[in-house]
N, C-alpha and C. Protein backbone atom coordinates (compact mmCIF):
# COMPACT_ATOMS: atom_id res chain seq x y z
N UNK A 1 40.96 182.63 -1.02
CA UNK A 1 42.25 182.68 -0.58
C UNK A 1 43.04 181.41 -0.84
N UNK A 2 44.03 181.14 -1.45
CA UNK A 2 44.64 179.92 -1.62
C UNK A 2 45.78 179.79 -0.72
N UNK A 3 46.22 178.39 -0.25
CA UNK A 3 47.24 178.35 0.67
C UNK A 3 48.31 177.79 -0.41
N UNK A 4 49.56 178.39 -0.21
CA UNK A 4 50.61 178.00 -1.05
C UNK A 4 51.83 177.46 -0.25
N UNK A 5 51.79 177.38 0.98
CA UNK A 5 53.04 177.20 1.79
C UNK A 5 52.58 176.46 3.24
N UNK A 6 53.40 176.13 3.99
CA UNK A 6 53.19 175.64 5.42
C UNK A 6 53.22 176.62 6.49
N UNK A 7 52.42 176.35 7.44
CA UNK A 7 52.30 177.36 8.59
C UNK A 7 53.51 176.80 9.53
N UNK A 8 53.60 177.72 10.30
CA UNK A 8 54.72 177.72 11.44
C UNK A 8 54.39 176.43 12.35
N UNK A 9 53.32 176.18 12.66
CA UNK A 9 52.83 175.06 13.47
C UNK A 9 53.03 173.70 12.73
N UNK A 10 52.90 173.52 11.49
CA UNK A 10 53.24 172.43 10.58
C UNK A 10 54.52 172.12 10.70
N UNK A 11 55.29 173.36 10.45
CA UNK A 11 56.79 173.12 10.19
C UNK A 11 57.34 172.59 11.72
N UNK A 12 57.03 173.05 12.93
CA UNK A 12 57.39 172.69 14.05
C UNK A 12 56.95 171.36 14.35
N UNK A 13 55.75 170.94 14.06
CA UNK A 13 55.34 169.56 14.27
C UNK A 13 56.10 168.45 13.35
N UNK A 14 56.37 168.87 12.10
CA UNK A 14 57.18 168.10 11.07
C UNK A 14 58.67 167.86 11.90
N UNK A 15 59.19 169.00 12.19
CA UNK A 15 60.63 168.77 12.72
C UNK A 15 60.55 168.14 14.14
N UNK A 16 59.54 168.12 15.07
CA UNK A 16 59.55 167.30 16.22
C UNK A 16 59.41 165.88 15.90
N UNK A 17 58.54 165.52 14.97
CA UNK A 17 58.37 164.07 14.43
C UNK A 17 59.64 163.50 13.87
N UNK A 18 60.18 164.24 13.16
CA UNK A 18 61.77 163.88 12.55
C UNK A 18 62.81 163.84 13.65
N UNK A 19 62.91 164.70 14.60
CA UNK A 19 63.70 164.57 15.73
C UNK A 19 63.48 163.39 16.50
N UNK A 20 62.13 163.11 16.78
CA UNK A 20 61.85 161.85 17.61
C UNK A 20 62.25 160.65 17.04
N UNK A 21 61.92 160.47 15.68
CA UNK A 21 62.36 159.35 14.95
C UNK A 21 63.86 159.19 14.71
N UNK A 22 64.51 160.27 14.65
CA UNK A 22 66.11 160.49 14.61
C UNK A 22 66.78 159.75 16.01
N UNK A 23 65.96 160.17 17.19
CA UNK A 23 66.66 159.86 18.37
C UNK A 23 66.45 158.45 18.55
N UNK A 24 65.37 157.86 18.09
CA UNK A 24 65.05 156.35 18.04
C UNK A 24 66.07 155.64 17.43
N UNK A 25 66.15 155.96 16.10
CA UNK A 25 67.26 155.31 15.17
C UNK A 25 68.77 155.57 15.81
N UNK A 26 69.05 156.73 16.41
CA UNK A 26 70.51 156.96 16.93
C UNK A 26 70.56 155.87 18.02
N UNK A 27 69.55 155.63 19.09
CA UNK A 27 69.88 154.95 20.16
C UNK A 27 69.74 153.52 19.85
N UNK A 28 69.16 153.29 18.68
CA UNK A 28 69.11 151.51 18.32
C UNK A 28 70.48 151.45 17.69
N UNK A 29 71.33 152.48 16.96
CA UNK A 29 72.54 152.26 16.54
C UNK A 29 73.65 151.99 17.67
N UNK A 30 73.48 152.95 18.59
CA UNK A 30 74.33 152.81 19.75
C UNK A 30 74.15 151.43 20.38
N UNK A 31 72.95 150.89 20.67
CA UNK A 31 72.75 149.68 21.20
C UNK A 31 73.35 148.62 20.51
N UNK A 32 73.14 148.75 19.14
CA UNK A 32 73.77 147.44 18.20
C UNK A 32 75.27 147.57 18.45
N UNK A 33 75.84 148.68 18.48
CA UNK A 33 77.27 148.70 18.68
C UNK A 33 77.82 148.19 19.86
N UNK A 34 77.21 148.30 20.87
CA UNK A 34 77.29 147.70 22.36
C UNK A 34 77.31 146.43 22.34
N UNK A 35 76.23 145.73 21.86
CA UNK A 35 76.05 144.31 21.73
C UNK A 35 77.09 143.67 20.83
N UNK A 36 77.31 144.45 19.79
CA UNK A 36 78.55 143.84 18.71
C UNK A 36 79.77 143.66 19.50
N UNK A 37 80.27 144.85 20.17
CA UNK A 37 81.38 144.80 20.84
C UNK A 37 81.52 143.83 22.19
N UNK A 38 80.35 143.54 22.71
CA UNK A 38 80.18 142.68 23.88
C UNK A 38 80.46 141.32 23.33
N UNK A 39 79.83 141.00 22.12
CA UNK A 39 79.82 139.77 21.41
C UNK A 39 81.32 139.46 21.07
N UNK A 40 82.00 140.30 20.50
CA UNK A 40 83.35 140.11 20.11
C UNK A 40 84.29 139.87 21.20
N UNK A 41 83.97 140.52 22.47
CA UNK A 41 84.80 140.41 23.66
C UNK A 41 84.50 139.01 24.16
N UNK A 42 83.18 138.59 24.03
CA UNK A 42 82.90 137.06 24.45
C UNK A 42 83.72 136.11 23.73
N UNK A 43 83.79 136.33 22.35
CA UNK A 43 84.05 135.37 21.56
C UNK A 43 85.79 135.20 21.86
N UNK A 44 86.23 136.38 22.11
CA UNK A 44 87.72 136.51 22.40
C UNK A 44 88.05 135.72 23.63
N UNK A 45 87.33 136.16 24.48
CA UNK A 45 87.50 135.49 25.97
C UNK A 45 87.37 133.80 25.78
N UNK A 46 86.29 133.37 24.96
CA UNK A 46 86.10 132.04 24.64
C UNK A 46 87.50 131.42 24.05
N UNK A 47 88.09 132.10 23.06
CA UNK A 47 89.17 131.85 22.43
C UNK A 47 90.44 131.71 23.43
N UNK A 48 90.62 132.85 24.36
CA UNK A 48 91.66 132.74 25.20
C UNK A 48 91.41 131.49 26.19
N UNK A 49 90.27 131.20 26.41
CA UNK A 49 89.95 129.99 27.42
C UNK A 49 90.37 128.77 26.78
N UNK A 50 89.90 128.51 25.49
CA UNK A 50 90.57 127.50 24.74
C UNK A 50 91.86 127.29 24.49
N UNK A 51 92.53 128.45 24.42
CA UNK A 51 93.89 128.39 24.22
C UNK A 51 94.42 127.72 25.74
N UNK A 52 94.02 128.23 26.78
CA UNK A 52 94.58 127.96 28.08
C UNK A 52 94.32 126.37 28.12
N UNK A 53 93.08 125.96 28.03
CA UNK A 53 92.87 124.49 28.09
C UNK A 53 93.84 123.51 27.23
N UNK A 54 93.91 124.04 25.80
CA UNK A 54 95.01 123.45 25.02
C UNK A 54 96.22 123.32 25.54
N UNK A 55 96.76 124.38 26.19
CA UNK A 55 98.21 124.32 26.71
C UNK A 55 98.17 123.25 27.91
N UNK A 56 97.16 123.46 28.77
CA UNK A 56 97.03 122.60 29.90
C UNK A 56 97.03 121.22 29.51
N UNK A 57 96.15 120.72 28.51
CA UNK A 57 96.30 119.37 27.97
C UNK A 57 97.38 118.84 27.31
N UNK A 58 98.24 119.70 26.78
CA UNK A 58 99.20 119.26 26.00
C UNK A 58 100.62 119.48 26.57
N UNK A 59 100.89 120.22 27.54
CA UNK A 59 101.99 120.55 27.94
C UNK A 59 102.26 120.25 29.63
N UNK A 60 101.21 119.69 30.20
CA UNK A 60 101.46 119.63 31.68
C UNK A 60 100.94 118.28 32.09
N UNK A 61 101.55 117.50 33.14
CA UNK A 61 101.17 116.28 33.70
C UNK A 61 100.85 116.49 35.10
N UNK A 62 100.18 115.44 35.59
CA UNK A 62 99.41 115.48 36.90
C UNK A 62 100.22 116.25 38.02
N UNK A 63 101.73 115.87 38.26
CA UNK A 63 102.32 116.15 39.33
C UNK A 63 103.07 117.58 39.10
N UNK A 64 103.00 118.34 38.09
CA UNK A 64 103.57 119.49 37.89
C UNK A 64 102.96 120.68 38.60
N UNK A 65 103.60 121.57 38.78
CA UNK A 65 103.10 122.79 39.73
C UNK A 65 102.02 123.48 39.05
N UNK A 66 101.93 123.55 37.88
CA UNK A 66 100.87 124.11 37.06
C UNK A 66 99.64 123.25 37.33
N UNK A 67 99.86 122.14 37.56
CA UNK A 67 98.45 121.30 37.80
C UNK A 67 98.00 120.90 39.16
N UNK A 68 98.66 121.74 40.13
CA UNK A 68 98.22 121.60 41.46
C UNK A 68 96.99 122.07 41.82
N UNK A 69 96.10 121.52 42.63
CA UNK A 69 94.87 121.92 43.14
C UNK A 69 94.80 123.57 43.48
N UNK A 70 93.90 124.31 43.15
CA UNK A 70 93.77 125.52 43.31
C UNK A 70 93.63 126.64 42.22
N UNK A 71 93.66 127.94 42.47
CA UNK A 71 93.53 128.79 41.46
C UNK A 71 94.74 129.40 41.17
N UNK A 72 95.09 129.38 39.88
CA UNK A 72 96.26 129.96 39.17
C UNK A 72 96.05 130.98 38.15
N UNK A 73 97.21 131.91 37.92
CA UNK A 73 97.21 132.93 37.07
C UNK A 73 97.50 132.22 35.49
N UNK A 74 96.83 132.45 34.72
CA UNK A 74 96.91 132.12 33.38
C UNK A 74 98.31 132.19 32.82
N UNK A 75 99.10 133.43 33.19
CA UNK A 75 100.11 133.83 32.69
C UNK A 75 101.33 132.97 33.10
N UNK A 76 101.01 131.94 34.03
CA UNK A 76 101.91 131.03 34.48
C UNK A 76 102.12 129.95 33.55
N UNK A 77 101.11 129.84 32.73
CA UNK A 77 101.02 128.61 31.56
C UNK A 77 101.54 129.18 30.16
N UNK A 78 101.89 130.47 30.33
CA UNK A 78 102.34 131.22 28.92
C UNK A 78 100.98 131.66 28.12
N UNK A 79 100.09 132.04 28.66
CA UNK A 79 98.87 132.54 28.07
C UNK A 79 98.59 133.92 28.43
N UNK A 80 98.65 134.83 27.42
CA UNK A 80 98.48 136.34 28.01
C UNK A 80 97.32 136.72 27.20
N UNK A 81 96.74 137.81 27.94
CA UNK A 81 95.59 138.51 27.37
C UNK A 81 96.26 139.56 26.50
N UNK A 82 96.08 139.66 25.26
CA UNK A 82 96.55 140.75 24.37
C UNK A 82 95.63 141.10 23.65
N UNK A 83 95.88 142.11 22.57
CA UNK A 83 95.17 142.68 21.57
C UNK A 83 94.06 143.47 22.34
N UNK A 84 92.95 143.58 21.71
CA UNK A 84 91.86 144.63 22.14
C UNK A 84 91.52 144.33 23.49
N UNK A 85 91.43 143.12 24.13
CA UNK A 85 91.07 142.92 25.46
C UNK A 85 92.00 143.43 26.45
N UNK A 86 93.15 143.73 26.07
CA UNK A 86 94.21 144.20 27.11
C UNK A 86 93.60 145.40 27.76
N UNK A 87 92.98 146.31 26.92
CA UNK A 87 92.47 147.43 27.68
C UNK A 87 91.38 147.31 28.76
N UNK A 88 90.62 146.04 28.52
CA UNK A 88 89.58 145.91 29.32
C UNK A 88 89.82 145.02 30.62
N UNK A 89 91.08 144.45 30.50
CA UNK A 89 91.53 143.65 31.67
C UNK A 89 92.88 144.58 32.34
N UNK A 90 92.36 145.23 33.56
CA UNK A 90 93.41 145.80 34.17
C UNK A 90 94.61 145.01 34.85
N UNK A 91 94.31 143.89 35.31
CA UNK A 91 95.27 143.21 35.97
C UNK A 91 95.11 141.77 35.21
N UNK A 92 95.74 141.40 34.30
CA UNK A 92 95.79 139.84 33.73
C UNK A 92 95.96 138.80 34.67
N UNK A 93 96.65 138.75 35.67
CA UNK A 93 96.83 137.67 36.62
C UNK A 93 95.63 137.40 37.49
N UNK A 94 94.74 138.43 37.66
CA UNK A 94 93.58 138.12 38.40
C UNK A 94 92.37 138.11 37.60
N UNK A 95 92.21 138.65 36.36
CA UNK A 95 91.19 138.53 35.41
C UNK A 95 91.26 137.28 34.60
N UNK A 96 92.39 136.47 34.42
CA UNK A 96 92.42 135.46 33.41
C UNK A 96 93.23 134.46 34.22
N UNK A 97 92.17 133.42 34.86
CA UNK A 97 92.72 132.43 35.92
C UNK A 97 92.36 131.11 35.32
N UNK A 98 92.75 129.97 36.21
CA UNK A 98 92.34 128.70 35.68
C UNK A 98 92.40 128.14 37.25
N UNK A 99 91.51 127.18 37.47
CA UNK A 99 91.35 126.45 38.63
C UNK A 99 91.30 125.03 38.37
N UNK A 100 92.25 124.27 39.22
CA UNK A 100 92.36 122.86 39.24
C UNK A 100 91.83 122.20 40.28
N UNK A 101 91.05 121.30 40.23
CA UNK A 101 90.44 120.48 41.06
C UNK A 101 90.49 119.01 41.20
N UNK A 102 90.85 118.25 42.05
CA UNK A 102 91.12 116.94 41.89
C UNK A 102 89.69 116.06 41.97
N UNK A 103 89.53 115.14 41.23
CA UNK A 103 88.36 114.30 41.45
C UNK A 103 88.76 112.91 41.43
N UNK A 104 88.77 112.40 42.57
CA UNK A 104 89.47 110.98 43.00
C UNK A 104 88.62 109.83 42.33
N UNK A 105 87.42 109.89 41.81
CA UNK A 105 86.76 108.97 41.47
C UNK A 105 87.23 108.20 40.26
N UNK A 106 87.62 109.22 39.30
CA UNK A 106 88.04 108.54 37.98
C UNK A 106 89.60 108.91 37.70
N UNK A 107 90.20 109.58 38.48
CA UNK A 107 91.72 109.79 38.52
C UNK A 107 92.06 111.02 37.66
N UNK A 108 91.15 111.71 37.18
CA UNK A 108 91.46 112.97 36.37
C UNK A 108 91.28 114.15 37.24
N UNK A 109 91.90 115.28 36.78
CA UNK A 109 91.70 116.68 37.30
C UNK A 109 90.58 117.43 36.52
N UNK A 110 89.99 118.36 37.10
CA UNK A 110 89.05 119.29 36.34
C UNK A 110 89.78 120.57 36.53
N UNK A 111 89.96 121.04 35.15
CA UNK A 111 90.42 122.36 34.92
C UNK A 111 89.09 123.34 34.34
N UNK A 112 89.27 124.30 35.27
CA UNK A 112 88.17 125.51 34.74
C UNK A 112 88.86 126.81 34.47
N UNK A 113 88.66 127.42 33.26
CA UNK A 113 89.25 128.53 33.03
C UNK A 113 88.25 129.67 32.93
N UNK A 114 88.71 130.84 33.76
CA UNK A 114 87.88 131.89 33.91
C UNK A 114 88.46 133.24 33.30
N UNK A 115 87.72 133.98 32.45
CA UNK A 115 88.30 135.11 31.94
C UNK A 115 87.07 136.20 32.34
N UNK A 116 87.41 137.17 33.01
CA UNK A 116 86.65 138.31 33.26
C UNK A 116 87.23 139.44 32.77
N UNK A 117 86.40 140.54 32.54
CA UNK A 117 86.86 141.71 31.74
C UNK A 117 85.96 142.87 32.12
N UNK A 118 86.19 144.25 32.33
CA UNK A 118 85.40 145.25 32.39
C UNK A 118 84.98 146.07 31.17
N UNK A 119 83.54 145.62 30.95
CA UNK A 119 83.10 146.12 29.45
C UNK A 119 82.63 147.61 29.84
N UNK A 120 83.27 148.62 28.99
CA UNK A 120 82.98 149.96 29.02
C UNK A 120 81.55 150.33 28.60
N UNK A 121 80.85 151.15 29.15
CA UNK A 121 79.35 151.52 28.72
C UNK A 121 79.59 152.66 27.83
């Protein structure tokens, strides 16, 4: 007796192996998409922070209100969270801030820009 086809068990096994491999490939695709989006948002946050520091160093002097010690909303210096990050930042005034601290030793002020966002899963 010659065998000219596949048995039902062979078909089920082959289908199961293909399904497991497909699930692994799909999860790798989803994870790479997540990490790509996260990297893009981090780069955009870095650009916003650089823009805020540029505005601070170019437009404001020691005694102005924007250079007072403490936390400030970045919208006060004319930097806004726009574009694709606007959906990730529910309240720009609390998610995009800068902090000014006095350093008496050298006469300079330290400006730290903070950008936070809610990364969707």
